[in-house]
C-alpha cells in the first residue's frame, strides 16, 4: 500500500521566455514570483492556486503544463500510473517523468510537502 497526491502545477516555458512568463503568470494569478534558491530553472508563483505549489519551469522544450505527483513510494506510484496507461519517458534522480494517454507529461517524485499536509491529503492505493 502506498499514498500519493497532486503536489504541483508546473508551467513549462522555453528558457528565453521564462522570466517574462513568470511575470505574466504572477500578475494574471495575483501571485508573487519568487526564484527558488539553488533551483534556477524554477520561479515559484507564491499562493497562485490555494493548496497547490505553482511554478514556472524554464525548459529546453515546447511550452506546456504538467503535474507533479508526490508519493511515499515512487516505484509503486509509477507502476500504478503505468498500469493505467502512462508510459515512462525518463528518470531524473529519484523522479520519474511519465507521459499520460493524450500526451501530457507528469512527474512522480518523493514527498516534497510538509509531512502533515501529505498525510492529511494523500490518497491511499492498494
N, C-alpha and C. Protein backbone atom coordinates (compact mmCIF):
# COMPACT_ATOMS: atom_id res chain seq x y z
N UNK A 1 0.84 -1.17 0.00
CA UNK A 1 0.00 0.00 0.00
C UNK A 1 0.89 1.24 0.00
N UNK A 2 0.50 2.25 -0.81
CA UNK A 2 1.25 3.50 -0.82
C UNK A 2 0.27 4.66 -0.95
N UNK A 3 0.80 5.88 -0.81
CA UNK A 3 -0.03 7.08 -0.86
C UNK A 3 0.54 8.07 -1.86
N UNK A 4 -0.34 8.89 -2.45
CA UNK A 4 0.12 9.93 -3.36
C UNK A 4 -0.91 11.05 -3.42
N UNK A 5 -0.45 12.20 -3.92
CA UNK A 5 -1.34 13.34 -4.14
C UNK A 5 -0.71 14.28 -5.16
N UNK A 6 -1.55 15.08 -5.81
CA UNK A 6 -1.03 16.11 -6.70
C UNK A 6 -0.35 17.15 -5.82
N UNK A 7 0.88 17.44 -6.14
CA UNK A 7 1.70 18.37 -5.36
C UNK A 7 1.84 19.73 -6.05
N UNK A 8 2.05 19.73 -7.37
CA UNK A 8 2.37 20.98 -8.04
C UNK A 8 1.85 21.01 -9.47
N UNK A 9 1.59 22.23 -9.92
CA UNK A 9 1.31 22.51 -11.33
C UNK A 9 2.49 23.32 -11.83
N UNK A 10 3.16 22.80 -12.86
CA UNK A 10 4.32 23.48 -13.44
C UNK A 10 3.95 24.04 -14.80
N UNK A 11 4.33 25.28 -15.03
CA UNK A 11 4.12 25.94 -16.31
C UNK A 11 5.48 25.91 -17.01
N UNK A 12 5.67 24.90 -17.85
CA UNK A 12 6.94 24.73 -18.56
C UNK A 12 7.03 25.76 -19.68
N UNK A 13 8.12 26.51 -19.69
CA UNK A 13 8.29 27.62 -20.61
C UNK A 13 9.70 27.57 -21.19
N UNK A 14 9.86 27.76 -22.49
CA UNK A 14 11.22 27.81 -23.05
C UNK A 14 12.08 28.83 -22.28
N UNK A 15 13.30 28.44 -21.97
CA UNK A 15 14.19 29.23 -21.13
C UNK A 15 14.25 30.71 -21.50
N UNK A 16 14.37 31.08 -22.79
CA UNK A 16 14.46 32.51 -23.10
C UNK A 16 13.21 33.32 -22.72
N UNK A 17 12.07 32.65 -22.57
CA UNK A 17 10.82 33.32 -22.24
C UNK A 17 10.41 33.17 -20.78
N UNK A 18 11.18 32.44 -19.98
CA UNK A 18 10.76 32.09 -18.63
C UNK A 18 10.55 33.30 -17.73
N UNK A 19 11.41 34.29 -17.80
CA UNK A 19 11.27 35.46 -16.93
C UNK A 19 9.98 36.22 -17.27
N UNK A 20 9.73 36.43 -18.55
CA UNK A 20 8.50 37.12 -18.95
C UNK A 20 7.27 36.29 -18.60
N UNK A 21 7.36 34.98 -18.77
CA UNK A 21 6.23 34.11 -18.43
C UNK A 21 5.93 34.17 -16.95
N UNK A 22 6.97 34.14 -16.12
CA UNK A 22 6.77 34.20 -14.66
C UNK A 22 6.09 35.52 -14.28
N UNK A 23 6.53 36.62 -14.87
CA UNK A 23 5.90 37.92 -14.58
C UNK A 23 4.44 37.92 -15.02
N UNK A 24 4.17 37.37 -16.20
CA UNK A 24 2.79 37.31 -16.70
C UNK A 24 1.91 36.50 -15.76
N UNK A 25 2.34 35.26 -15.47
CA UNK A 25 1.50 34.37 -14.67
C UNK A 25 1.32 34.89 -13.25
N UNK A 26 2.34 35.51 -12.69
CA UNK A 26 2.21 36.10 -11.35
C UNK A 26 1.12 37.18 -11.37
N UNK A 27 1.18 38.06 -12.37
CA UNK A 27 0.18 39.13 -12.47
C UNK A 27 -1.21 38.56 -12.76
N UNK A 28 -1.28 37.58 -13.66
CA UNK A 28 -2.56 37.00 -14.06
C UNK A 28 -3.24 36.28 -12.90
N UNK A 29 -2.45 35.63 -12.05
CA UNK A 29 -3.00 34.83 -10.95
C UNK A 29 -2.97 35.54 -9.60
N UNK A 30 -2.49 36.78 -9.57
CA UNK A 30 -2.45 37.52 -8.32
C UNK A 30 -1.45 36.95 -7.34
N UNK A 31 -0.33 36.49 -7.85
CA UNK A 31 0.71 35.84 -7.03
C UNK A 31 1.98 36.68 -7.06
N UNK A 32 2.91 36.31 -6.21
CA UNK A 32 4.24 36.92 -6.30
C UNK A 32 5.19 35.89 -6.88
N UNK A 33 6.06 36.33 -7.78
CA UNK A 33 7.04 35.45 -8.41
C UNK A 33 8.31 35.48 -7.60
N UNK A 34 8.76 34.29 -7.19
CA UNK A 34 9.96 34.17 -6.37
C UNK A 34 10.86 33.06 -6.92
N UNK A 35 12.08 33.42 -7.35
CA UNK A 35 13.02 32.37 -7.79
C UNK A 35 13.29 31.41 -6.63
N UNK A 36 13.45 30.14 -6.95
CA UNK A 36 13.76 29.15 -5.91
C UNK A 36 15.27 29.04 -5.77
N UNK A 37 15.82 29.40 -4.62
CA UNK A 37 17.27 29.34 -4.43
C UNK A 37 17.81 27.94 -4.69
N UNK A 38 18.87 27.87 -5.46
CA UNK A 38 19.50 26.60 -5.77
C UNK A 38 18.82 25.82 -6.88
N UNK A 39 17.69 26.29 -7.34
CA UNK A 39 16.97 25.62 -8.42
C UNK A 39 16.56 26.69 -9.43
N UNK A 40 17.56 27.19 -10.15
CA UNK A 40 17.39 28.35 -11.02
C UNK A 40 16.32 28.18 -12.09
N UNK A 41 15.99 26.94 -12.45
CA UNK A 41 15.01 26.72 -13.51
C UNK A 41 13.57 26.97 -13.03
N UNK A 42 13.37 27.13 -11.71
CA UNK A 42 12.02 27.31 -11.17
C UNK A 42 11.80 28.71 -10.62
N UNK A 43 10.64 29.28 -10.93
CA UNK A 43 10.18 30.51 -10.30
C UNK A 43 8.83 30.20 -9.67
N UNK A 44 8.78 30.24 -8.35
CA UNK A 44 7.56 29.96 -7.62
C UNK A 44 6.55 31.07 -7.84
N UNK A 45 5.30 30.70 -8.02
CA UNK A 45 4.20 31.66 -8.08
C UNK A 45 3.46 31.51 -6.75
N UNK A 46 3.99 32.18 -5.75
CA UNK A 46 3.55 32.02 -4.36
C UNK A 46 2.06 32.30 -4.21
N UNK A 47 1.34 31.31 -3.72
CA UNK A 47 -0.09 31.36 -3.44
C UNK A 47 -0.95 31.62 -4.68
N UNK A 48 -0.49 31.19 -5.84
CA UNK A 48 -1.27 31.35 -7.07
C UNK A 48 -2.53 30.48 -7.04
N UNK A 49 -2.39 29.23 -6.59
CA UNK A 49 -3.51 28.30 -6.51
C UNK A 49 -3.49 27.71 -5.11
N UNK A 50 -4.50 27.97 -4.33
CA UNK A 50 -4.55 27.52 -2.95
C UNK A 50 -4.36 26.00 -2.84
N UNK A 51 -3.44 25.59 -1.99
CA UNK A 51 -3.21 24.18 -1.73
C UNK A 51 -2.33 23.48 -2.75
N UNK A 52 -1.83 24.20 -3.74
CA UNK A 52 -1.04 23.58 -4.80
C UNK A 52 0.18 24.44 -5.09
N UNK A 53 1.35 23.84 -5.07
CA UNK A 53 2.55 24.56 -5.48
C UNK A 53 2.41 24.87 -6.96
N UNK A 54 2.66 26.11 -7.34
CA UNK A 54 2.57 26.52 -8.74
C UNK A 54 3.87 27.24 -9.08
N UNK A 55 4.46 26.89 -10.21
CA UNK A 55 5.74 27.50 -10.59
C UNK A 55 5.90 27.50 -12.09
N UNK A 56 6.71 28.45 -12.57
CA UNK A 56 7.17 28.45 -13.95
C UNK A 56 8.49 27.70 -13.96
N UNK A 57 8.64 26.76 -14.89
CA UNK A 57 9.87 25.99 -15.02
C UNK A 57 10.47 26.30 -16.39
N UNK A 58 11.70 26.79 -16.39
CA UNK A 58 12.43 27.04 -17.64
C UNK A 58 12.86 25.70 -18.21
N UNK A 59 12.50 25.44 -19.47
CA UNK A 59 12.81 24.16 -20.11
C UNK A 59 13.41 24.40 -21.49
N UNK A 60 14.12 23.42 -21.97
CA UNK A 60 14.64 23.44 -23.34
C UNK A 60 13.71 22.61 -24.22
N UNK A 61 12.44 22.99 -24.23
CA UNK A 61 11.42 22.23 -24.94
C UNK A 61 10.24 23.16 -25.21
N UNK A 62 9.17 22.59 -25.70
CA UNK A 62 7.97 23.36 -26.03
C UNK A 62 7.22 23.77 -24.76
N UNK A 63 6.46 24.86 -24.82
CA UNK A 63 5.65 25.27 -23.68
C UNK A 63 4.53 24.26 -23.43
N UNK A 64 4.24 24.05 -22.16
CA UNK A 64 3.17 23.12 -21.76
C UNK A 64 2.95 23.26 -20.26
N UNK A 65 1.93 22.60 -19.76
CA UNK A 65 1.69 22.48 -18.32
C UNK A 65 1.94 21.03 -17.95
N UNK A 66 2.43 20.79 -16.73
CA UNK A 66 2.49 19.42 -16.26
C UNK A 66 2.27 19.37 -14.75
N UNK A 67 1.81 18.21 -14.28
CA UNK A 67 1.56 17.99 -12.86
C UNK A 67 2.71 17.22 -12.24
N UNK A 68 3.00 17.54 -10.98
CA UNK A 68 3.90 16.73 -10.16
C UNK A 68 3.04 16.00 -9.15
N UNK A 69 3.24 14.70 -9.07
CA UNK A 69 2.55 13.87 -8.09
C UNK A 69 3.58 13.41 -7.07
N UNK A 70 3.35 13.74 -5.81
CA UNK A 70 4.27 13.29 -4.77
C UNK A 70 3.74 12.02 -4.13
N UNK A 71 4.67 11.18 -3.69
CA UNK A 71 4.29 9.87 -3.17
C UNK A 71 5.29 9.38 -2.14
N UNK A 72 4.82 8.50 -1.28
CA UNK A 72 5.73 7.88 -0.31
C UNK A 72 6.40 6.63 -0.89
N UNK A 73 6.08 6.28 -2.15
CA UNK A 73 6.70 5.13 -2.82
C UNK A 73 6.73 5.40 -4.33
N UNK A 74 7.82 5.98 -4.82
CA UNK A 74 7.93 6.37 -6.23
C UNK A 74 7.75 5.17 -7.15
N UNK A 75 8.36 4.05 -6.83
CA UNK A 75 8.24 2.86 -7.69
C UNK A 75 6.80 2.37 -7.77
N UNK A 76 6.11 2.30 -6.64
CA UNK A 76 4.73 1.81 -6.64
C UNK A 76 3.80 2.77 -7.37
N UNK A 77 3.98 4.08 -7.17
CA UNK A 77 3.12 5.05 -7.86
C UNK A 77 3.39 5.04 -9.36
N UNK A 78 4.64 4.93 -9.75
CA UNK A 78 4.97 4.84 -11.17
C UNK A 78 4.32 3.61 -11.78
N UNK A 79 4.42 2.48 -11.11
CA UNK A 79 3.81 1.24 -11.60
C UNK A 79 2.28 1.38 -11.70
N UNK A 80 1.66 2.04 -10.73
CA UNK A 80 0.21 2.25 -10.75
C UNK A 80 -0.19 3.07 -11.97
N UNK A 81 0.53 4.14 -12.22
CA UNK A 81 0.19 5.01 -13.35
C UNK A 81 0.49 4.34 -14.70
N UNK A 82 1.55 3.56 -14.76
CA UNK A 82 1.85 2.81 -15.99
C UNK A 82 0.73 1.79 -16.24
N UNK A 83 0.25 1.14 -15.20
CA UNK A 83 -0.85 0.18 -15.35
C UNK A 83 -2.13 0.87 -15.85
N UNK A 84 -2.27 2.16 -15.54
CA UNK A 84 -3.43 2.92 -16.01
C UNK A 84 -3.27 3.41 -17.45
N UNK A 85 -2.07 3.25 -18.02
CA UNK A 85 -1.85 3.61 -19.41
C UNK A 85 -0.75 4.61 -19.69
N UNK A 86 -0.09 5.14 -18.65
CA UNK A 86 1.03 6.05 -18.85
C UNK A 86 2.26 5.26 -19.31
N UNK A 87 3.21 5.97 -19.89
CA UNK A 87 4.50 5.36 -20.23
C UNK A 87 5.60 6.20 -19.59
N UNK A 88 6.61 5.52 -19.08
CA UNK A 88 7.74 6.25 -18.50
C UNK A 88 8.65 6.70 -19.63
N UNK A 89 8.99 8.00 -19.64
CA UNK A 89 9.85 8.52 -20.70
C UNK A 89 11.25 8.85 -20.22
N UNK A 90 11.41 9.09 -18.93
CA UNK A 90 12.76 9.35 -18.42
C UNK A 90 12.76 9.29 -16.90
N UNK A 91 13.95 9.37 -16.37
CA UNK A 91 14.16 9.40 -14.93
C UNK A 91 15.20 10.47 -14.65
N UNK A 92 14.95 11.28 -13.65
CA UNK A 92 15.90 12.29 -13.22
C UNK A 92 16.02 12.18 -11.71
N UNK A 93 17.19 11.75 -11.24
CA UNK A 93 17.42 11.46 -9.83
C UNK A 93 16.33 10.50 -9.36
N UNK A 94 15.58 10.85 -8.30
CA UNK A 94 14.52 9.96 -7.81
C UNK A 94 13.20 10.14 -8.55
N UNK A 95 13.10 11.14 -9.40
CA UNK A 95 11.85 11.47 -10.08
C UNK A 95 11.68 10.67 -11.36
N UNK A 96 10.44 10.34 -11.67
CA UNK A 96 10.11 9.66 -12.92
C UNK A 96 9.25 10.60 -13.76
N UNK A 97 9.56 10.71 -15.04
CA UNK A 97 8.76 11.51 -15.96
C UNK A 97 7.93 10.52 -16.78
N UNK A 98 6.62 10.74 -16.77
CA UNK A 98 5.69 9.86 -17.48
C UNK A 98 4.92 10.66 -18.51
N UNK A 99 4.41 9.96 -19.52
CA UNK A 99 3.50 10.56 -20.49
C UNK A 99 2.18 9.83 -20.35
N UNK A 100 1.14 10.59 -20.06
CA UNK A 100 -0.21 10.03 -19.89
C UNK A 100 -0.85 9.82 -21.25
N UNK A 101 -1.87 8.98 -21.33
CA UNK A 101 -2.63 8.90 -22.57
C UNK A 101 -3.11 10.30 -22.95
N UNK A 102 -2.96 10.67 -24.19
CA UNK A 102 -3.28 12.02 -24.64
C UNK A 102 -2.03 12.87 -24.79
N UNK A 103 -0.89 12.38 -24.26
CA UNK A 103 0.38 13.05 -24.46
C UNK A 103 0.87 13.97 -23.36
N UNK A 104 0.09 14.19 -22.32
CA UNK A 104 0.51 15.10 -21.25
C UNK A 104 1.60 14.48 -20.39
N UNK A 105 2.55 15.32 -19.99
CA UNK A 105 3.62 14.87 -19.10
C UNK A 105 3.19 15.02 -17.65
N UNK A 106 3.73 14.17 -16.81
CA UNK A 106 3.60 14.29 -15.36
C UNK A 106 4.84 13.72 -14.73
N UNK A 107 5.15 14.19 -13.55
CA UNK A 107 6.31 13.69 -12.82
C UNK A 107 5.86 13.04 -11.53
N UNK A 108 6.53 11.96 -11.17
CA UNK A 108 6.30 11.28 -9.90
C UNK A 108 7.55 11.50 -9.07
N UNK A 109 7.38 12.06 -7.87
CA UNK A 109 8.53 12.39 -7.04
C UNK A 109 8.26 12.05 -5.58
N UNK A 110 9.33 11.90 -4.80
CA UNK A 110 9.15 11.65 -3.38
C UNK A 110 8.43 12.82 -2.72
N UNK A 111 7.88 12.59 -1.55
CA UNK A 111 7.13 13.62 -0.82
C UNK A 111 7.98 14.87 -0.66
N UNK A 112 7.42 16.00 -1.11
CA UNK A 112 8.07 17.31 -1.01
C UNK A 112 7.37 18.20 0.00
N UNK A 113 6.06 18.04 0.16
CA UNK A 113 5.30 18.92 1.04
C UNK A 113 5.54 18.57 2.50
N UNK A 114 5.05 19.43 3.35
CA UNK A 114 5.07 19.17 4.79
C UNK A 114 4.41 17.81 5.03
N UNK A 115 5.02 17.00 5.86
CA UNK A 115 4.52 15.63 6.05
C UNK A 115 3.08 15.60 6.57
N UNK A 116 2.71 16.54 7.42
CA UNK A 116 1.34 16.59 7.94
C UNK A 116 0.35 16.88 6.81
N UNK A 117 0.71 17.75 5.89
CA UNK A 117 -0.15 18.05 4.73
C UNK A 117 -0.29 16.80 3.87
N UNK A 118 0.83 16.14 3.61
CA UNK A 118 0.78 14.92 2.80
C UNK A 118 -0.12 13.89 3.48
N UNK A 119 0.06 13.66 4.75
CA UNK A 119 -0.74 12.64 5.47
C UNK A 119 -2.22 12.98 5.44
N UNK A 120 -2.56 14.27 5.52
CA UNK A 120 -3.97 14.68 5.55
C UNK A 120 -4.63 14.60 4.18
N UNK A 121 -3.86 14.80 3.10
CA UNK A 121 -4.46 14.96 1.78
C UNK A 121 -4.20 13.84 0.79
N UNK A 122 -3.26 12.97 1.06
CA UNK A 122 -2.90 11.93 0.08
C UNK A 122 -3.95 10.84 -0.03
N UNK A 123 -4.09 10.30 -1.25
CA UNK A 123 -4.92 9.12 -1.48
C UNK A 123 -4.12 7.88 -1.11
N UNK A 124 -4.82 6.84 -0.66
CA UNK A 124 -4.17 5.57 -0.35
C UNK A 124 -4.53 4.58 -1.45
N UNK A 125 -3.50 3.90 -1.96
CA UNK A 125 -3.68 2.95 -3.07
C UNK A 125 -3.24 1.56 -2.62
N UNK A 126 -3.93 0.53 -3.10
CA UNK A 126 -3.53 -0.85 -2.72
C UNK A 126 -2.20 -1.23 -3.35
